[in-house]
Amino acid sequence: MKLQRIGIAVGSVLGVCALAWAQQMGATAALKPTTGNTTAGTVTFTQKGDKVSVTANVSGLSPGPHGFHIHEKGDCSAGDGMSAGGHFNPTGKPHGDPATADHHAGDMPQLVADARGKATLAADLSPVTIGAGANDIVGKAVIVHKDPDDFKTQPTGNSGARVACGVIKKS
């Protein structure tokens, strides 16, 4: 009986530790410019409960808003970034504003570049995850687009050419 209680206690402690570790899992993407562009930067993802926090630091953009998405394939080998495929959409939702219920899992808020072409972003994403399940973003790609996302045009948001691409890797 005493051994059973010890086993339960140890199992409980390990379970809490595993949950805390899983909630702090992270991933990063190093953005590299596509052919003819200068856009580069870093995107960091951190699992926090049922959401993923994203932080982006990007340079080499034209001033103003730019579409910013997670794409379905972790492949940036094509000079135009098209090897990354379409938007990551495991739930089959329409493209839309990530602040609304109906949007691709890979839809993220716009990057807005200042007059020097630098953009930063900090946001929480849903329904993506890091390292678990059908909504896992590890092994997918992050794409920065030339134009703003209108959050309406299907399936891309009319965001234009891909100016940077980076594969999401567990950190």
N, C-alpha and C. Protein backbone atom coordinates (compact mmCIF):
# COMPACT_ATOMS: atom_id res chain seq x y z
N MET A 1 0.82 -1.19 0.00
CA MET A 1 0.00 0.00 0.00
C MET A 1 0.87 1.26 0.00
N LYS A 2 1.92 1.25 0.86
CA LYS A 2 2.82 2.39 0.95
C LYS A 2 3.54 2.59 -0.39
N LEU A 3 3.97 1.49 -1.02
CA LEU A 3 4.63 1.56 -2.32
C LEU A 3 3.69 2.12 -3.39
N GLN A 4 2.44 1.76 -3.32
CA GLN A 4 1.46 2.24 -4.28
C GLN A 4 1.30 3.76 -4.16
N ARG A 5 1.25 4.27 -2.92
CA ARG A 5 1.12 5.72 -2.70
C ARG A 5 2.35 6.45 -3.22
N ILE A 6 3.51 5.88 -3.00
CA ILE A 6 4.75 6.49 -3.50
C ILE A 6 4.73 6.52 -5.03
N GLY A 7 4.29 5.44 -5.63
CA GLY A 7 4.19 5.37 -7.09
C GLY A 7 3.23 6.41 -7.64
N ILE A 8 2.11 6.59 -6.98
CA ILE A 8 1.12 7.60 -7.40
C ILE A 8 1.71 8.99 -7.25
N ALA A 9 2.39 9.24 -6.14
CA ALA A 9 2.99 10.56 -5.90
C ALA A 9 4.05 10.88 -6.94
N VAL A 10 4.93 9.92 -7.23
CA VAL A 10 5.97 10.11 -8.23
C VAL A 10 5.34 10.34 -9.61
N GLY A 11 4.33 9.55 -9.93
CA GLY A 11 3.63 9.71 -11.21
C GLY A 11 3.00 11.09 -11.33
N SER A 12 2.41 11.58 -10.26
CA SER A 12 1.79 12.91 -10.27
C SER A 12 2.83 14.00 -10.50
N VAL A 13 3.96 13.90 -9.79
CA VAL A 13 5.02 14.89 -9.96
C VAL A 13 5.56 14.87 -11.39
N LEU A 14 5.79 13.69 -11.92
CA LEU A 14 6.28 13.58 -13.30
C LEU A 14 5.26 14.14 -14.29
N GLY A 15 3.99 13.90 -14.06
CA GLY A 15 2.94 14.42 -14.94
C GLY A 15 2.92 15.93 -14.95
N VAL A 16 3.03 16.55 -13.77
CA VAL A 16 3.05 18.01 -13.68
C VAL A 16 4.29 18.56 -14.37
N CYS A 17 5.44 17.92 -14.17
CA CYS A 17 6.67 18.36 -14.83
C CYS A 17 6.56 18.25 -16.34
N ALA A 18 6.01 17.15 -16.82
CA ALA A 18 5.85 16.95 -18.26
C ALA A 18 4.92 18.01 -18.85
N LEU A 19 3.83 18.34 -18.14
CA LEU A 19 2.90 19.36 -18.61
C LEU A 19 3.59 20.72 -18.67
N ALA A 20 4.33 21.07 -17.63
CA ALA A 20 5.04 22.35 -17.61
C ALA A 20 6.06 22.42 -18.74
N TRP A 21 6.78 21.33 -18.98
CA TRP A 21 7.77 21.29 -20.06
C TRP A 21 7.09 21.44 -21.42
N ALA A 22 5.99 20.72 -21.63
CA ALA A 22 5.28 20.78 -22.91
C ALA A 22 4.74 22.18 -23.17
N GLN A 23 4.31 22.87 -22.12
CA GLN A 23 3.76 24.20 -22.30
C GLN A 23 4.84 25.24 -22.58
N GLN A 24 6.09 24.92 -22.36
CA GLN A 24 7.17 25.85 -22.63
C GLN A 24 8.01 25.44 -23.85
N MET A 25 7.51 24.46 -24.61
CA MET A 25 8.25 24.04 -25.79
C MET A 25 8.31 25.20 -26.77
N GLY A 26 9.39 25.25 -27.51
CA GLY A 26 9.55 26.34 -28.46
C GLY A 26 10.02 25.87 -29.81
N ALA A 27 9.92 26.78 -30.76
CA ALA A 27 10.38 26.53 -32.12
C ALA A 27 10.80 27.86 -32.73
N THR A 28 11.67 27.80 -33.72
CA THR A 28 12.12 29.02 -34.39
C THR A 28 12.19 28.80 -35.90
N ALA A 29 12.12 29.91 -36.62
CA ALA A 29 12.31 29.91 -38.07
C ALA A 29 13.24 31.06 -38.41
N ALA A 30 14.31 30.75 -39.12
CA ALA A 30 15.22 31.78 -39.63
C ALA A 30 14.75 32.15 -41.03
N LEU A 31 14.24 33.36 -41.17
CA LEU A 31 13.73 33.82 -42.47
C LEU A 31 14.88 34.24 -43.38
N LYS A 32 14.87 33.71 -44.58
CA LYS A 32 15.88 34.06 -45.59
C LYS A 32 15.13 34.65 -46.79
N PRO A 33 15.76 35.61 -47.48
CA PRO A 33 15.08 36.23 -48.62
C PRO A 33 14.91 35.25 -49.79
N THR A 34 13.79 35.41 -50.49
CA THR A 34 13.61 34.68 -51.74
C THR A 34 14.39 35.44 -52.81
N THR A 35 14.53 34.87 -53.98
CA THR A 35 15.33 35.44 -55.06
C THR A 35 14.91 36.88 -55.37
N GLY A 36 15.89 37.78 -55.36
CA GLY A 36 15.66 39.17 -55.70
C GLY A 36 15.15 40.03 -54.56
N ASN A 37 15.05 39.47 -53.37
CA ASN A 37 14.54 40.21 -52.21
C ASN A 37 15.60 40.31 -51.13
N THR A 38 15.36 41.17 -50.14
CA THR A 38 16.32 41.36 -49.05
C THR A 38 15.72 41.08 -47.68
N THR A 39 14.49 40.61 -47.63
CA THR A 39 13.79 40.37 -46.37
C THR A 39 14.41 39.20 -45.61
N ALA A 40 14.68 39.43 -44.33
CA ALA A 40 15.26 38.39 -43.48
C ALA A 40 14.83 38.65 -42.04
N GLY A 41 14.98 37.64 -41.20
CA GLY A 41 14.65 37.83 -39.80
C GLY A 41 14.50 36.52 -39.05
N THR A 42 13.92 36.63 -37.87
CA THR A 42 13.73 35.48 -37.00
C THR A 42 12.30 35.48 -36.47
N VAL A 43 11.71 34.28 -36.44
CA VAL A 43 10.38 34.10 -35.87
C VAL A 43 10.50 33.05 -34.78
N THR A 44 10.01 33.36 -33.59
CA THR A 44 10.08 32.45 -32.45
C THR A 44 8.66 32.09 -32.01
N PHE A 45 8.46 30.81 -31.75
CA PHE A 45 7.16 30.30 -31.30
C PHE A 45 7.34 29.65 -29.94
N THR A 46 6.41 29.89 -29.01
CA THR A 46 6.45 29.27 -27.69
C THR A 46 5.06 28.78 -27.33
N GLN A 47 4.95 27.49 -26.99
CA GLN A 47 3.68 26.92 -26.56
C GLN A 47 3.36 27.44 -25.17
N LYS A 48 2.17 28.03 -25.01
CA LYS A 48 1.73 28.54 -23.71
C LYS A 48 0.29 28.11 -23.52
N GLY A 49 0.12 26.97 -22.85
CA GLY A 49 -1.21 26.41 -22.67
C GLY A 49 -1.78 25.97 -24.01
N ASP A 50 -2.99 26.43 -24.34
CA ASP A 50 -3.61 26.03 -25.60
C ASP A 50 -3.32 27.01 -26.73
N LYS A 51 -2.44 27.96 -26.51
CA LYS A 51 -2.06 28.93 -27.55
C LYS A 51 -0.56 28.85 -27.80
N VAL A 52 -0.16 29.40 -28.93
CA VAL A 52 1.26 29.53 -29.25
C VAL A 52 1.56 31.01 -29.40
N SER A 53 2.52 31.49 -28.63
CA SER A 53 2.96 32.88 -28.76
C SER A 53 3.98 32.96 -29.88
N VAL A 54 3.83 33.96 -30.74
CA VAL A 54 4.77 34.18 -31.83
C VAL A 54 5.40 35.56 -31.65
N THR A 55 6.71 35.61 -31.86
CA THR A 55 7.46 36.86 -31.85
C THR A 55 8.27 36.90 -33.13
N ALA A 56 8.15 38.00 -33.87
CA ALA A 56 8.88 38.13 -35.14
C ALA A 56 9.68 39.42 -35.16
N ASN A 57 10.88 39.34 -35.70
CA ASN A 57 11.73 40.50 -35.96
C ASN A 57 12.21 40.36 -37.40
N VAL A 58 11.74 41.26 -38.26
CA VAL A 58 11.99 41.13 -39.69
C VAL A 58 12.50 42.45 -40.24
N SER A 59 13.45 42.39 -41.19
CA SER A 59 13.97 43.59 -41.84
C SER A 59 13.97 43.39 -43.35
N GLY A 60 14.21 44.47 -44.07
CA GLY A 60 14.30 44.40 -45.53
C GLY A 60 12.95 44.44 -46.23
N LEU A 61 11.94 44.98 -45.57
CA LEU A 61 10.59 45.07 -46.14
C LEU A 61 10.34 46.48 -46.68
N SER A 62 9.38 46.61 -47.57
CA SER A 62 8.91 47.94 -47.93
C SER A 62 8.02 48.41 -46.79
N PRO A 63 7.96 49.73 -46.53
CA PRO A 63 7.12 50.22 -45.44
C PRO A 63 5.65 49.82 -45.63
N GLY A 64 4.98 49.51 -44.51
CA GLY A 64 3.57 49.17 -44.54
C GLY A 64 3.32 47.72 -44.18
N PRO A 65 2.05 47.27 -44.33
CA PRO A 65 1.67 45.91 -43.94
C PRO A 65 2.05 44.84 -44.96
N HIS A 66 2.30 43.64 -44.44
CA HIS A 66 2.68 42.49 -45.26
C HIS A 66 1.99 41.24 -44.72
N GLY A 67 1.47 40.41 -45.64
CA GLY A 67 0.90 39.13 -45.26
C GLY A 67 1.97 38.27 -44.61
N PHE A 68 1.55 37.47 -43.62
CA PHE A 68 2.47 36.69 -42.80
C PHE A 68 1.76 35.40 -42.43
N HIS A 69 2.27 34.26 -42.91
CA HIS A 69 1.56 32.99 -42.74
C HIS A 69 2.48 31.82 -42.44
N ILE A 70 1.90 30.79 -41.83
CA ILE A 70 2.55 29.49 -41.73
C ILE A 70 2.05 28.69 -42.93
N HIS A 71 2.98 28.10 -43.68
CA HIS A 71 2.62 27.32 -44.87
C HIS A 71 2.82 25.84 -44.60
N GLU A 72 2.17 25.01 -45.41
CA GLU A 72 2.03 23.58 -45.14
C GLU A 72 3.29 22.74 -45.27
N LYS A 73 4.28 23.19 -46.03
CA LYS A 73 5.48 22.38 -46.24
C LYS A 73 6.71 23.12 -45.73
N GLY A 74 7.55 22.41 -45.03
CA GLY A 74 8.81 22.98 -44.54
C GLY A 74 9.87 22.92 -45.61
N ASP A 75 9.62 23.58 -46.73
CA ASP A 75 10.52 23.53 -47.88
C ASP A 75 10.67 24.92 -48.47
N CYS A 76 11.84 25.49 -48.33
CA CYS A 76 12.12 26.82 -48.87
C CYS A 76 13.11 26.74 -50.02
N SER A 77 13.18 25.59 -50.69
CA SER A 77 14.20 25.38 -51.73
C SER A 77 13.94 26.14 -53.02
N ALA A 78 12.69 26.46 -53.34
CA ALA A 78 12.38 27.19 -54.57
C ALA A 78 12.74 28.67 -54.38
N GLY A 79 13.33 29.26 -55.38
CA GLY A 79 13.73 30.66 -55.32
C GLY A 79 12.60 31.62 -55.03
N ASP A 80 11.38 31.24 -55.40
CA ASP A 80 10.22 32.11 -55.16
C ASP A 80 9.42 31.71 -53.92
N GLY A 81 9.89 30.71 -53.19
CA GLY A 81 9.21 30.27 -51.97
C GLY A 81 8.00 29.39 -52.20
N MET A 82 7.68 29.09 -53.44
CA MET A 82 6.47 28.30 -53.73
C MET A 82 6.57 26.85 -53.26
N SER A 83 7.77 26.36 -52.99
CA SER A 83 7.94 24.99 -52.51
C SER A 83 7.35 24.81 -51.11
N ALA A 84 7.02 25.90 -50.43
CA ALA A 84 6.40 25.83 -49.10
C ALA A 84 4.92 25.48 -49.18
N GLY A 85 4.35 25.43 -50.38
CA GLY A 85 2.95 25.07 -50.55
C GLY A 85 2.02 26.18 -50.10
N GLY A 86 0.75 25.80 -49.87
CA GLY A 86 -0.27 26.76 -49.45
C GLY A 86 -0.26 26.97 -47.95
N HIS A 87 -1.22 27.75 -47.49
CA HIS A 87 -1.33 28.01 -46.05
C HIS A 87 -1.60 26.72 -45.29
N PHE A 88 -1.02 26.60 -44.12
CA PHE A 88 -1.25 25.48 -43.22
C PHE A 88 -2.71 25.54 -42.77
N ASN A 89 -3.49 24.49 -43.09
CA ASN A 89 -4.92 24.53 -42.84
C ASN A 89 -5.47 23.14 -42.49
N PRO A 90 -5.00 22.53 -41.40
CA PRO A 90 -5.45 21.17 -41.06
C PRO A 90 -6.92 21.09 -40.67
N THR A 91 -7.54 22.21 -40.32
CA THR A 91 -8.94 22.20 -39.89
C THR A 91 -9.92 22.51 -41.01
N GLY A 92 -9.41 22.79 -42.22
CA GLY A 92 -10.28 23.03 -43.37
C GLY A 92 -11.11 24.30 -43.30
N LYS A 93 -10.62 25.31 -42.61
CA LYS A 93 -11.33 26.58 -42.48
C LYS A 93 -11.00 27.50 -43.66
N PRO A 94 -11.83 28.52 -43.90
CA PRO A 94 -11.51 29.50 -44.94
C PRO A 94 -10.38 30.42 -44.44
N HIS A 95 -9.69 31.06 -45.39
CA HIS A 95 -8.68 32.05 -45.03
C HIS A 95 -9.38 33.22 -44.34
N GLY A 96 -8.74 33.79 -43.32
CA GLY A 96 -9.35 34.92 -42.65
C GLY A 96 -8.45 35.54 -41.61
N ASP A 97 -8.97 36.54 -40.97
CA ASP A 97 -8.27 37.28 -39.93
C ASP A 97 -8.08 36.35 -38.72
N PRO A 98 -6.85 36.23 -38.21
CA PRO A 98 -6.63 35.33 -37.07
C PRO A 98 -7.34 35.77 -35.80
N ALA A 99 -7.86 36.98 -35.78
CA ALA A 99 -8.61 37.45 -34.62
C ALA A 99 -10.06 36.95 -34.63
N THR A 100 -10.46 36.27 -35.71
CA THR A 100 -11.82 35.74 -35.82
C THR A 100 -11.79 34.22 -35.70
N ALA A 101 -12.95 33.61 -35.51
CA ALA A 101 -13.03 32.15 -35.34
C ALA A 101 -12.69 31.40 -36.63
N ASP A 102 -13.12 31.91 -37.77
CA ASP A 102 -12.87 31.21 -39.04
C ASP A 102 -11.62 31.74 -39.73
N HIS A 103 -10.57 30.94 -39.64
CA HIS A 103 -9.31 31.27 -40.32
C HIS A 103 -8.45 30.01 -40.40
N HIS A 104 -7.54 30.00 -41.37
CA HIS A 104 -6.57 28.90 -41.45
C HIS A 104 -5.75 28.88 -40.16
N ALA A 105 -5.31 27.71 -39.76
CA ALA A 105 -4.42 27.62 -38.60
C ALA A 105 -3.15 28.44 -38.85
N GLY A 106 -2.74 28.54 -40.11
CA GLY A 106 -1.52 29.26 -40.46
C GLY A 106 -1.68 30.75 -40.67
N ASP A 107 -2.88 31.29 -40.54
CA ASP A 107 -3.08 32.73 -40.69
C ASP A 107 -2.54 33.45 -39.46
N MET A 108 -1.69 34.44 -39.68
CA MET A 108 -1.13 35.24 -38.59
C MET A 108 -1.43 36.71 -38.84
N PRO A 109 -1.31 37.55 -37.79
CA PRO A 109 -1.50 38.99 -38.00
C PRO A 109 -0.48 39.53 -39.00
N GLN A 110 -0.82 40.65 -39.61
CA GLN A 110 0.08 41.29 -40.57
C GLN A 110 1.37 41.74 -39.89
N LEU A 111 2.45 41.69 -40.65
CA LEU A 111 3.68 42.36 -40.24
C LEU A 111 3.56 43.78 -40.76
N VAL A 112 3.85 44.76 -39.94
CA VAL A 112 3.79 46.15 -40.39
C VAL A 112 5.18 46.75 -40.26
N ALA A 113 5.78 47.07 -41.42
CA ALA A 113 7.14 47.59 -41.46
C ALA A 113 7.14 49.11 -41.31
N ASP A 114 8.11 49.60 -40.58
CA ASP A 114 8.26 51.04 -40.42
C ASP A 114 8.97 51.64 -41.64
N ALA A 115 9.30 52.90 -41.59
CA ALA A 115 9.92 53.60 -42.72
C ALA A 115 11.29 53.02 -43.07
N ARG A 116 11.94 52.35 -42.13
CA ARG A 116 13.25 51.72 -42.39
C ARG A 116 13.11 50.28 -42.85
N GLY A 117 11.88 49.78 -43.00
CA GLY A 117 11.66 48.42 -43.47
C GLY A 117 11.74 47.35 -42.40
N LYS A 118 11.65 47.77 -41.12
CA LYS A 118 11.72 46.82 -40.01
C LYS A 118 10.34 46.61 -39.43
N ALA A 119 10.06 45.34 -39.08
CA ALA A 119 8.78 45.00 -38.48
C ALA A 119 9.00 44.08 -37.30
N THR A 120 8.21 44.29 -36.26
CA THR A 120 8.18 43.38 -35.12
C THR A 120 6.72 42.98 -34.89
N LEU A 121 6.56 41.81 -34.33
CA LEU A 121 5.22 41.31 -34.05
C LEU A 121 5.27 40.44 -32.82
N ALA A 122 4.29 40.59 -31.95
CA ALA A 122 4.09 39.69 -30.81
C ALA A 122 2.60 39.41 -30.76
N ALA A 123 2.23 38.13 -30.86
CA ALA A 123 0.81 37.75 -30.88
C ALA A 123 0.65 36.33 -30.37
N ASP A 124 -0.58 35.99 -30.02
CA ASP A 124 -0.92 34.62 -29.64
C ASP A 124 -1.71 33.99 -30.77
N LEU A 125 -1.36 32.74 -31.11
CA LEU A 125 -2.00 32.03 -32.21
C LEU A 125 -2.83 30.86 -31.69
N SER A 126 -3.89 30.59 -32.41
CA SER A 126 -4.74 29.45 -32.12
C SER A 126 -5.32 29.00 -33.46
N PRO A 127 -5.43 27.76 -33.77
CA PRO A 127 -5.34 26.56 -32.96
C PRO A 127 -4.05 25.77 -33.17
N VAL A 128 -2.92 26.41 -33.38
CA VAL A 128 -1.68 25.68 -33.65
C VAL A 128 -1.04 25.16 -32.36
N THR A 129 -0.13 24.19 -32.52
CA THR A 129 0.62 23.62 -31.41
C THR A 129 2.07 23.46 -31.82
N ILE A 130 2.91 23.18 -30.84
CA ILE A 130 4.31 22.88 -31.10
C ILE A 130 4.57 21.45 -30.65
N GLY A 131 4.91 20.60 -31.59
CA GLY A 131 5.34 19.25 -31.26
C GLY A 131 4.27 18.21 -31.00
N ALA A 132 2.98 18.53 -31.24
CA ALA A 132 1.96 17.53 -30.95
C ALA A 132 0.71 17.73 -31.81
N GLY A 133 0.19 16.64 -32.33
CA GLY A 133 -1.11 16.65 -32.99
C GLY A 133 -1.12 17.15 -34.42
N ALA A 134 -2.31 17.17 -34.98
CA ALA A 134 -2.50 17.57 -36.38
C ALA A 134 -2.21 19.04 -36.62
N ASN A 135 -2.24 19.86 -35.58
CA ASN A 135 -2.01 21.31 -35.72
C ASN A 135 -0.57 21.70 -35.41
N ASP A 136 0.32 20.72 -35.35
CA ASP A 136 1.74 20.95 -35.06
C ASP A 136 2.40 21.74 -36.19
N ILE A 137 3.06 22.85 -35.82
CA ILE A 137 3.70 23.70 -36.84
C ILE A 137 5.17 23.36 -37.09
N VAL A 138 5.76 22.50 -36.26
CA VAL A 138 7.16 22.11 -36.47
C VAL A 138 7.27 21.38 -37.81
N GLY A 139 8.24 21.80 -38.61
CA GLY A 139 8.42 21.21 -39.93
C GLY A 139 7.64 21.92 -41.02
N LYS A 140 6.90 22.96 -40.67
CA LYS A 140 6.18 23.79 -41.65
C LYS A 140 7.07 24.98 -41.98
N ALA A 141 6.60 25.88 -42.84
CA ALA A 141 7.39 27.07 -43.20
C ALA A 141 6.64 28.34 -42.83
N VAL A 142 7.40 29.39 -42.54
CA VAL A 142 6.86 30.73 -42.36
C VAL A 142 7.17 31.51 -43.63
N ILE A 143 6.15 32.20 -44.14
CA ILE A 143 6.31 33.01 -45.35
C ILE A 143 5.94 34.46 -45.04
N VAL A 144 6.77 35.39 -45.51
CA VAL A 144 6.45 36.81 -45.50
C VAL A 144 6.13 37.19 -46.93
N HIS A 145 5.01 37.89 -47.11
CA HIS A 145 4.56 38.28 -48.45
C HIS A 145 4.86 39.75 -48.74
N LYS A 146 4.88 40.07 -50.02
CA LYS A 146 5.17 41.42 -50.49
C LYS A 146 4.06 42.41 -50.15
N ASP A 147 2.82 41.98 -50.22
CA ASP A 147 1.67 42.87 -50.08
C ASP A 147 0.88 42.58 -48.80
N PRO A 148 -0.03 43.51 -48.44
CA PRO A 148 -0.90 43.27 -47.28
C PRO A 148 -1.84 42.09 -47.51
N ASP A 149 -2.28 41.49 -46.44
CA ASP A 149 -3.29 40.43 -46.48
C ASP A 149 -4.65 41.12 -46.34
N ASP A 150 -5.56 40.86 -47.29
CA ASP A 150 -6.89 41.47 -47.18
C ASP A 150 -7.82 40.66 -46.29
N PHE A 151 -7.38 39.48 -45.84
CA PHE A 151 -8.12 38.58 -44.96
C PHE A 151 -9.47 38.15 -45.54
N LYS A 152 -9.67 38.34 -46.85
CA LYS A 152 -10.93 37.95 -47.48
C LYS A 152 -10.72 37.02 -48.67
N THR A 153 -9.79 37.38 -49.56
CA THR A 153 -9.58 36.61 -50.79
C THR A 153 -9.18 35.18 -50.44
N GLN A 154 -9.86 34.21 -51.07
CA GLN A 154 -9.60 32.79 -50.81
C GLN A 154 -8.70 32.22 -51.90
N PRO A 155 -7.75 31.41 -51.54
CA PRO A 155 -7.39 30.98 -50.18
C PRO A 155 -6.18 31.71 -49.62
N THR A 156 -5.74 32.80 -50.24
CA THR A 156 -4.45 33.39 -49.88
C THR A 156 -4.47 34.76 -49.23
N GLY A 157 -5.55 35.49 -49.32
CA GLY A 157 -5.58 36.85 -48.79
C GLY A 157 -4.99 37.87 -49.74
N ASN A 158 -4.71 37.45 -50.99
CA ASN A 158 -4.19 38.35 -52.01
C ASN A 158 -2.92 39.06 -51.55
N SER A 159 -2.04 38.32 -50.90
CA SER A 159 -0.84 38.90 -50.29
C SER A 159 0.36 39.03 -51.22
N GLY A 160 0.22 38.58 -52.44
CA GLY A 160 1.30 38.77 -53.40
C GLY A 160 2.47 37.81 -53.24
N ALA A 161 3.57 38.19 -53.86
CA ALA A 161 4.78 37.35 -53.92
C ALA A 161 5.32 37.04 -52.53
N ARG A 162 6.08 35.97 -52.46
CA ARG A 162 6.74 35.55 -51.21
C ARG A 162 8.13 36.16 -51.18
N VAL A 163 8.39 37.00 -50.18
CA VAL A 163 9.67 37.71 -50.14
C VAL A 163 10.66 37.09 -49.15
N ALA A 164 10.18 36.21 -48.26
CA ALA A 164 11.07 35.50 -47.33
C ALA A 164 10.42 34.19 -46.93
N CYS A 165 11.28 33.21 -46.61
CA CYS A 165 10.82 31.89 -46.21
C CYS A 165 11.75 31.33 -45.15
N GLY A 166 11.18 30.64 -44.16
CA GLY A 166 11.98 29.98 -43.14
C GLY A 166 11.27 28.75 -42.63
N VAL A 167 12.01 27.67 -42.40
CA VAL A 167 11.44 26.42 -41.91
C VAL A 167 11.40 26.46 -40.38
N ILE A 168 10.27 26.05 -39.82
CA ILE A 168 10.07 26.04 -38.36
C ILE A 168 10.73 24.78 -37.79
N LYS A 169 11.67 25.00 -36.87
CA LYS A 169 12.39 23.89 -36.24
C LYS A 169 12.24 23.99 -34.72
N LYS A 170 12.12 22.83 -34.08
CA LYS A 170 12.02 22.81 -32.62
C LYS A 170 13.31 23.37 -32.03
N SER A 171 13.15 24.19 -31.00
CA SER A 171 14.35 24.79 -30.37
C SER A 171 14.61 24.18 -29.00
